[in-house]
Amino acid sequence: MPRPADPADDRGCLRLVLAVPLALLTAVAVYSCWTALTIRPSGPWDDDAYAGIVLACASSIAAAGGTVVLRLLPGVRRVLPWSWTLPALLLGTVAAMRWAASG
């Protein structure tokens, strides 16, 4: 008689499946944070550059928030540790500091 499958056996596959949206959100946070850090306004009159910095910072913070929301889902909480969200949270913090420094 076959034994029932242990639900813990699927954690490796489930971890891989759940890592995809976390990786995509982290990639968005990386690109947005890099964009926010590399934009340099020509002067105090360069409103377009300041708007680009704000947009890039906001999208990086939103992507970091998305990783936290995804991590708080009950199915994800069982499988992925908080360390998977730390890179996106760090990038969100850097983006928030850049946003505050841009005035």
Protein backbone atom coordinates (compact mmCIF):
# COMPACT_ATOMS: atom_id res chain seq x y z
CA MET A 1 0.00 0.00 0.00
CA PRO A 2 1.56 3.35 -1.02
CA ARG A 3 2.19 5.95 1.64
CA PRO A 4 0.53 9.36 1.28
CA ALA A 5 2.80 12.09 0.00
CA ASP A 6 4.29 14.38 2.59
CA PRO A 7 3.22 18.00 1.95
CA ALA A 8 6.70 19.19 2.88
CA ASP A 9 8.10 17.43 -0.20
CA ASP A 10 6.71 20.15 -2.51
CA ARG A 11 8.49 22.99 -0.75
CA GLY A 12 11.41 22.97 -3.15
CA CYS A 13 9.19 23.34 -6.19
CA LEU A 14 6.90 25.80 -4.43
CA ARG A 15 9.90 27.86 -3.38
CA LEU A 16 11.02 28.02 -7.00
CA VAL A 17 7.57 29.06 -8.21
CA LEU A 18 7.23 31.76 -5.55
CA ALA A 19 10.74 33.02 -6.19
CA VAL A 20 9.77 34.17 -9.69
CA PRO A 21 7.48 37.06 -8.64
CA LEU A 22 9.89 38.01 -5.86
CA ALA A 23 12.76 38.08 -8.34
CA LEU A 24 10.75 40.17 -10.81
CA LEU A 25 9.75 42.68 -8.14
CA THR A 26 13.36 42.85 -6.94
CA ALA A 27 14.53 43.44 -10.53
CA VAL A 28 12.06 46.33 -10.84
CA ALA A 29 13.36 47.74 -7.55
CA VAL A 30 16.97 47.41 -8.76
CA TYR A 31 16.31 49.17 -12.06
CA SER A 32 14.23 51.92 -10.47
CA CYS A 33 16.76 52.55 -7.72
CA TRP A 34 19.62 52.63 -10.23
CA THR A 35 17.66 55.10 -12.36
CA ALA A 36 16.94 57.31 -9.35
CA LEU A 37 20.61 57.33 -8.37
CA THR A 38 21.95 58.09 -11.84
CA ILE A 39 19.61 60.95 -12.81
CA ARG A 40 21.39 64.25 -12.27
CA PRO A 41 19.42 67.50 -12.63
CA SER A 42 21.14 70.22 -14.63
CA GLY A 43 20.12 72.81 -12.07
CA PRO A 44 17.33 73.89 -9.77
CA TRP A 45 15.15 74.68 -12.80
CA ASP A 46 15.27 71.10 -14.15
CA ASP A 47 11.80 70.00 -13.07
CA ASP A 48 11.73 67.05 -15.47
CA ALA A 49 14.79 65.47 -13.86
CA TYR A 50 13.32 65.94 -10.39
CA ALA A 51 10.05 64.38 -11.56
CA GLY A 52 12.03 61.42 -12.96
CA ILE A 53 13.79 60.96 -9.64
CA VAL A 54 10.48 60.99 -7.78
CA LEU A 55 8.94 58.51 -10.22
CA ALA A 56 11.90 56.15 -10.02
CA CYS A 57 11.97 56.33 -6.23
CA ALA A 58 8.22 55.76 -5.96
CA SER A 59 8.36 52.72 -8.25
CA SER A 60 11.28 51.26 -6.29
CA ILE A 61 9.43 51.75 -3.01
CA ALA A 62 6.27 50.24 -4.53
CA ALA A 63 8.20 47.19 -5.74
CA ALA A 64 9.74 46.76 -2.29
CA GLY A 65 6.29 47.03 -0.76
CA GLY A 66 5.04 44.44 -3.23
CA THR A 67 7.66 41.97 -2.06
CA VAL A 68 6.57 42.52 1.54
CA VAL A 69 2.90 42.04 0.64
CA LEU A 70 3.75 38.89 -1.30
CA ARG A 71 5.79 37.60 1.64
CA LEU A 72 2.88 38.18 4.04
CA LEU A 73 0.59 35.78 2.16
CA PRO A 74 0.05 32.63 4.26
CA GLY A 75 1.27 30.21 1.59
CA VAL A 76 4.46 32.16 1.05
CA ARG A 77 5.12 32.61 4.76
CA ARG A 78 5.44 28.85 5.22
CA VAL A 79 8.00 28.44 2.46
CA LEU A 80 10.15 31.56 2.09
CA PRO A 81 12.11 33.23 4.89
CA TRP A 82 12.27 37.01 5.33
CA SER A 83 15.79 37.03 3.92
CA TRP A 84 14.32 36.69 0.43
CA THR A 85 12.76 40.14 0.72
CA LEU A 86 15.77 41.92 2.23
CA PRO A 87 17.38 43.03 -1.09
CA ALA A 88 14.18 44.73 -2.25
CA LEU A 89 13.66 46.32 1.18
CA LEU A 90 17.22 47.65 1.15
CA LEU A 91 16.68 49.13 -2.32
CA GLY A 92 13.40 50.67 -1.19
CA THR A 93 15.22 52.29 1.73
CA VAL A 94 17.93 53.65 -0.58
CA ALA A 95 15.24 55.02 -2.89
CA ALA A 96 13.45 56.68 0.04
CA MET A 97 16.70 58.35 1.11
CA ARG A 98 17.32 59.54 -2.47
CA TRP A 99 13.80 60.91 -2.66
CA ALA A 100 14.26 62.77 0.62
CA ALA A 101 17.66 64.11 -0.49
CA SER A 102 16.34 65.37 -3.83
CA GLY A 103 14.19 67.93 -2.08
